């Protein structure tokens, strides 16, 4: 994450380029984000970049994250096929990357 300051999208593209089934990909993505975000929180708190206010906000938002993961799990198990899963994931990554490239142009006036 520190090398490119991008983090997730290259890892997601790497995982999706393999032949693993969606269930394995989802488990790998959830594990990757859990570990990297947990370590990031520890580092940010330890270095004083964020304080108790940020920790309090995180505690309030944690149930929302759990609810989102639960709803995502329900939707994931209802997908029609592996091909649909990969296509939807790649479209989301493409749109996210495109927004990242164009956000200054789109919102630079703010």
Protein backbone atom coordinates (compact mmCIF):
# COMPACT_ATOMS: atom_id res chain seq x y z
CA UNK A 1 0.00 0.00 0.00
CA UNK A 2 2.77 2.47 0.80
CA UNK A 3 4.57 2.02 -2.50
CA UNK A 4 1.77 3.28 -4.72
CA UNK A 5 -0.60 4.81 -2.16
CA UNK A 6 -3.30 2.89 -3.98
CA UNK A 7 -3.64 -0.28 -1.93
CA UNK A 8 -6.71 -2.27 -2.81
CA UNK A 9 -7.42 -2.01 -6.55
CA UNK A 10 -4.15 -3.62 -7.76
CA UNK A 11 -4.62 -6.41 -5.24
CA UNK A 12 -8.21 -6.92 -6.38
CA UNK A 13 -7.18 -7.03 -10.03
CA UNK A 14 -4.49 -9.56 -9.17
CA UNK A 15 -6.95 -11.76 -7.29
CA UNK A 16 -9.58 -11.54 -10.03
CA UNK A 17 -7.04 -12.46 -12.71
CA UNK A 18 -6.63 -15.91 -11.20
CA UNK A 19 -8.82 -18.96 -11.59
CA UNK A 20 -10.05 -19.09 -8.00
CA UNK A 21 -13.80 -19.40 -7.50
CA UNK A 22 -15.70 -16.33 -6.24
CA UNK A 23 -15.97 -17.79 -2.75
CA UNK A 24 -12.18 -17.97 -2.43
CA UNK A 25 -11.75 -14.49 -3.96
CA UNK A 26 -14.23 -12.98 -1.53
CA UNK A 27 -12.52 -14.61 1.44
CA UNK A 28 -9.13 -13.34 0.26
CA UNK A 29 -10.42 -9.79 -0.30
CA UNK A 30 -12.12 -9.65 3.10
CA UNK A 31 -8.98 -10.98 4.80
CA UNK A 32 -6.72 -8.55 2.92
CA UNK A 33 -8.80 -5.51 3.83
CA UNK A 34 -9.29 -6.60 7.43
CA UNK A 35 -5.56 -7.05 8.00
CA UNK A 36 -4.42 -3.91 6.18
CA UNK A 37 -7.05 -1.67 7.75
CA UNK A 38 -6.42 -3.06 11.23
CA UNK A 39 -2.69 -2.41 10.87
CA UNK A 40 -3.35 1.05 9.45
CA UNK A 41 -5.55 1.95 12.41
CA UNK A 42 -2.89 0.76 14.86
CA UNK A 43 -0.18 2.78 13.07
CA UNK A 44 -2.30 5.92 12.81
CA UNK A 45 -3.22 5.80 16.49
CA UNK A 46 0.32 4.92 17.61
CA UNK A 47 1.88 7.81 15.68
CA UNK A 48 -0.67 10.34 16.88
CA UNK A 49 -2.02 11.14 13.42
CA UNK A 50 -5.53 10.41 14.71
CA UNK A 51 -6.77 10.58 18.26
CA UNK A 52 -9.63 9.52 20.46
CA UNK A 53 -12.18 11.43 18.34
CA UNK A 54 -11.39 9.29 15.31
CA UNK A 55 -11.52 6.14 17.43
CA UNK A 56 -14.94 7.15 18.78
CA UNK A 57 -16.25 7.74 15.25
CA UNK A 58 -14.88 4.37 14.19
CA UNK A 59 -16.65 2.69 17.12
CA UNK A 60 -19.94 4.33 16.12
CA UNK A 61 -19.55 3.32 12.46
CA UNK A 62 -18.37 -0.25 13.18
CA UNK A 63 -21.93 -1.67 13.41
CA UNK A 64 -22.72 -0.07 10.04
CA UNK A 65 -19.70 -1.83 8.54
CA UNK A 66 -20.81 -5.16 10.02
CA UNK A 67 -24.31 -4.64 8.62
CA UNK A 68 -22.87 -3.83 5.18
CA UNK A 69 -20.71 -6.96 5.27
CA UNK A 70 -23.73 -9.04 6.22
CA UNK A 71 -25.89 -7.58 3.43
CA UNK A 72 -22.98 -8.03 0.99
CA UNK A 73 -22.69 -11.67 2.03
CA UNK A 74 -26.39 -12.22 1.38
CA UNK A 75 -26.11 -10.59 -2.05
CA UNK A 76 -22.91 -12.49 -2.84
CA UNK A 77 -24.49 -15.88 -2.26
CA UNK A 78 -27.41 -14.90 -4.51
CA UNK A 79 -25.29 -14.08 -7.59
CA UNK A 80 -26.17 -15.99 -10.72
CA UNK A 81 -22.74 -17.06 -11.90
CA UNK A 82 -19.00 -16.72 -11.52
CA UNK A 83 -18.83 -14.78 -14.78
CA UNK A 84 -21.36 -12.22 -13.53
CA UNK A 85 -19.40 -11.88 -10.28
CA UNK A 86 -16.13 -11.19 -12.11
CA UNK A 87 -17.73 -8.76 -14.56
CA UNK A 88 -19.45 -6.77 -11.82
CA UNK A 89 -16.24 -6.64 -9.79
CA UNK A 90 -14.20 -5.49 -12.80
CA UNK A 91 -16.75 -2.79 -13.69
CA UNK A 92 -16.67 -1.48 -10.12
CA UNK A 93 -12.86 -1.41 -10.21
CA UNK A 94 -12.87 0.35 -13.59
CA UNK A 95 -15.33 3.03 -12.44
CA UNK A 96 -13.40 3.55 -9.21
CA UNK A 97 -10.12 3.91 -11.09
CA UNK A 98 -11.68 6.27 -13.62
CA UNK A 99 -13.08 8.43 -10.83
CA UNK A 100 -9.65 8.48 -9.17
CA UNK A 101 -8.08 9.69 -12.40
CA UNK A 102 -10.72 12.32 -13.12
CA UNK A 103 -11.65 13.60 -9.66
CA UNK A 104 -9.41 16.67 -9.81
CA UNK A 105 -10.77 17.57 -13.21
CA UNK A 106 -14.36 16.95 -12.09
CA UNK A 107 -14.14 18.52 -8.64
CA UNK A 108 -11.02 20.71 -8.89
CA UNK A 109 -13.09 23.85 -8.74
CA UNK A 110 -14.30 23.08 -5.18
